[in-house]
C-alpha atoms as a PDB file:
ATOM      1  CA  MET A   1      26.413 -39.247 -51.090  1.00  0.00           C
ATOM      2  CA  THR A   2      28.382 -40.290 -48.006  1.00  0.00           C
ATOM      3  CA  VAL A   3      29.107 -43.967 -47.489  1.00  0.00           C
ATOM      4  CA  ALA A   4      30.573 -45.492 -44.329  1.00  0.00           C
ATOM      5  CA  ALA A   5      33.194 -48.115 -45.151  1.00  0.00           C
ATOM      6  CA  ARG A   6      35.764 -50.323 -43.461  1.00  0.00           C
ATOM      7  CA  TYR A   7      39.292 -50.627 -44.841  1.00  0.00           C
ATOM      8  CA  GLU A   8      40.413 -54.273 -44.941  1.00  0.00           C
ATOM      9  CA  ASN A   9      43.315 -55.854 -46.820  1.00  0.00           C
ATOM     10  CA  GLY A  10      43.795 -52.817 -49.063  1.00  0.00           C
ATOM     11  CA  VAL A  11      40.101 -52.521 -49.992  1.00  0.00           C
ATOM     12  CA  PHE A  12      37.378 -50.140 -48.788  1.00  0.00           C
ATOM     13  CA  ARG A  13      34.253 -52.208 -48.051  1.00  0.00           C
ATOM     14  CA  PRO A  14      30.950 -50.319 -47.655  1.00  0.00           C
ATOM     15  CA  LEU A  15      29.034 -50.995 -44.441  1.00  0.00           C
ATOM     16  CA  GLN A  16      25.698 -50.750 -46.263  1.00  0.00           C
ATOM     17  CA  GLU A  17      24.372 -51.486 -49.744  1.00  0.00           C
ATOM     18  CA  VAL A  18      25.527 -48.894 -52.280  1.00  0.00           C
ATOM     19  CA  LYS A  19      23.872 -48.491 -55.673  1.00  0.00           C
ATOM     20  CA  ILE A  20      26.783 -47.464 -57.877  1.00  0.00           C
ATOM     21  CA  GLU A  21      27.600 -48.789 -61.314  1.00  0.00           C
ATOM     22  CA  GLU A  22      30.221 -51.565 -61.229  1.00  0.00           C
ATOM     23  CA  GLY A  23      33.660 -50.167 -62.062  1.00  0.00           C
ATOM     24  CA  ALA A  24      32.663 -46.574 -61.325  1.00  0.00           C
ATOM     25  CA  VAL A  25      35.522 -44.361 -60.154  1.00  0.00           C
ATOM     26  CA  VAL A  26      34.758 -42.715 -56.806  1.00  0.00           C
ATOM     27  CA  GLU A  27      36.556 -40.244 -54.563  1.00  0.00           C
ATOM     28  CA  VAL A  28      37.378 -41.341 -51.005  1.00  0.00           C
ATOM     29  CA  LEU A  29      38.081 -38.781 -48.279  1.00  0.00           C
ATOM     30  CA  VAL A  30      39.868 -40.322 -45.297  1.00  0.00           C
ATOM     31  CA  PRO A  31      40.046 -38.140 -42.169  1.00  0.00           C
ATOM     32  CA  SER A  32      43.527 -37.825 -40.748  1.00  0.00           C
ATOM     33  CA  SER A  33      43.932 -39.783 -37.547  1.00  0.00           C
ATOM     34  CA  ALA A  34      47.606 -38.922 -37.084  1.00  0.00           C
ATOM     35  CA  PRO A  35      48.316 -36.443 -34.283  1.00  0.00           C
ATOM     36  CA  SER A  36      49.947 -33.150 -35.193  1.00  0.00           C
ATOM     37  CA  GLY A  37      53.681 -32.693 -34.701  1.00  0.00           C
ATOM     38  CA  ARG A  38      53.160 -31.167 -31.253  1.00  0.00           C
ATOM     39  CA  GLY A  39      50.938 -34.019 -30.108  1.00  0.00           C
ATOM     40  CA  ARG A  40      47.842 -31.834 -29.869  1.00  0.00           C
ATOM     41  CA  THR A  41      45.402 -30.059 -32.158  1.00  0.00           C
ATOM     42  CA  SER A  42      46.271 -26.544 -33.240  1.00  0.00           C
ATOM     43  CA  ILE A  43      43.884 -23.921 -31.891  1.00  0.00           C
ATOM     44  CA  LYS A  44      43.452 -22.738 -35.486  1.00  0.00           C
ATOM     45  CA  ASP A  45      41.808 -26.096 -36.296  1.00  0.00           C
ATOM     46  CA  LEU A  46      39.137 -25.715 -33.606  1.00  0.00           C
ATOM     47  CA  PRO A  47      35.656 -24.545 -34.679  1.00  0.00           C
ATOM     48  CA  PHE A  48      35.588 -21.536 -32.368  1.00  0.00           C
ATOM     49  CA  TYR A  49      38.880 -20.048 -33.644  1.00  0.00           C
ATOM     50  CA  GLY A  50      38.343 -16.448 -34.718  1.00  0.00           C
ATOM     51  CA  MET A  51      34.831 -16.127 -33.315  1.00  0.00           C
ATOM     52  CA  TRP A  52      35.667 -12.723 -31.780  1.00  0.00           C
ATOM     53  CA  LYS A  53      37.511 -11.290 -34.787  1.00  0.00           C
ATOM     54  CA  ASP A  54      34.857  -8.608 -35.337  1.00  0.00           C
ATOM     55  CA  ARG A  55      34.902  -7.306 -31.727  1.00  0.00           C
ATOM     56  CA  ALA A  56      36.109  -3.707 -31.516  1.00  0.00           C
ATOM     57  CA  ASP A  57      37.046  -3.927 -27.808  1.00  0.00           C
ATOM     58  CA  ILE A  58      39.659  -6.645 -28.390  1.00  0.00           C
ATOM     59  CA  GLY A  59      42.259  -5.045 -30.646  1.00  0.00           C
ATOM     60  CA  ASP A  60      45.437  -6.947 -29.871  1.00  0.00           C
ATOM     61  CA  GLY A  61      44.794 -10.362 -28.308  1.00  0.00           C
ATOM     62  CA  VAL A  62      47.965 -10.299 -26.204  1.00  0.00           C
ATOM     63  CA  GLU A  63      47.196  -6.826 -24.871  1.00  0.00           C
ATOM     64  CA  TYR A  64      43.634  -7.894 -24.056  1.00  0.00           C
ATOM     65  CA  VAL A  65      44.785 -10.979 -22.135  1.00  0.00           C
ATOM     66  CA  ASN A  66      47.372  -8.945 -20.217  1.00  0.00           C
ATOM     67  CA  ARG A  67      44.660  -6.439 -19.288  1.00  0.00           C
ATOM     68  CA  LEU A  68      42.488  -9.286 -17.973  1.00  0.00           C
ATOM     69  CA  ARG A  69      45.402 -10.659 -15.951  1.00  0.00           C
ATOM     70  CA  ASP A  70      46.162  -7.242 -14.456  1.00  0.00           C
ATOM     71  CA  ASN A  71      42.513  -6.722 -13.454  1.00  0.00           C
ATOM     72  CA  PRO A  72      41.145 -10.124 -12.424  1.00  0.00           C
ATOM     73  CA  ARG A  73      37.412 -10.345 -11.825  1.00  0.00           C
ATOM     74  CA  SER A  74      36.652 -11.927  -8.472  1.00  0.00           C
END
């Protein structure tokens, strides 16, 4: 079950009615809102990272990019 909640005065308050036994221990996952040390998201955290890992024509990524730069498509 996923429950939207607002954090106020040290307490998570659900935004809708939740049918859970009083006193039940729950687990709360809070997404990180702090920026990374570099001030931007790492490319490894993006959903498309590694989507070409099984391509045989792109062995070394650096070599592939250099080849594209040397032979631009116009």
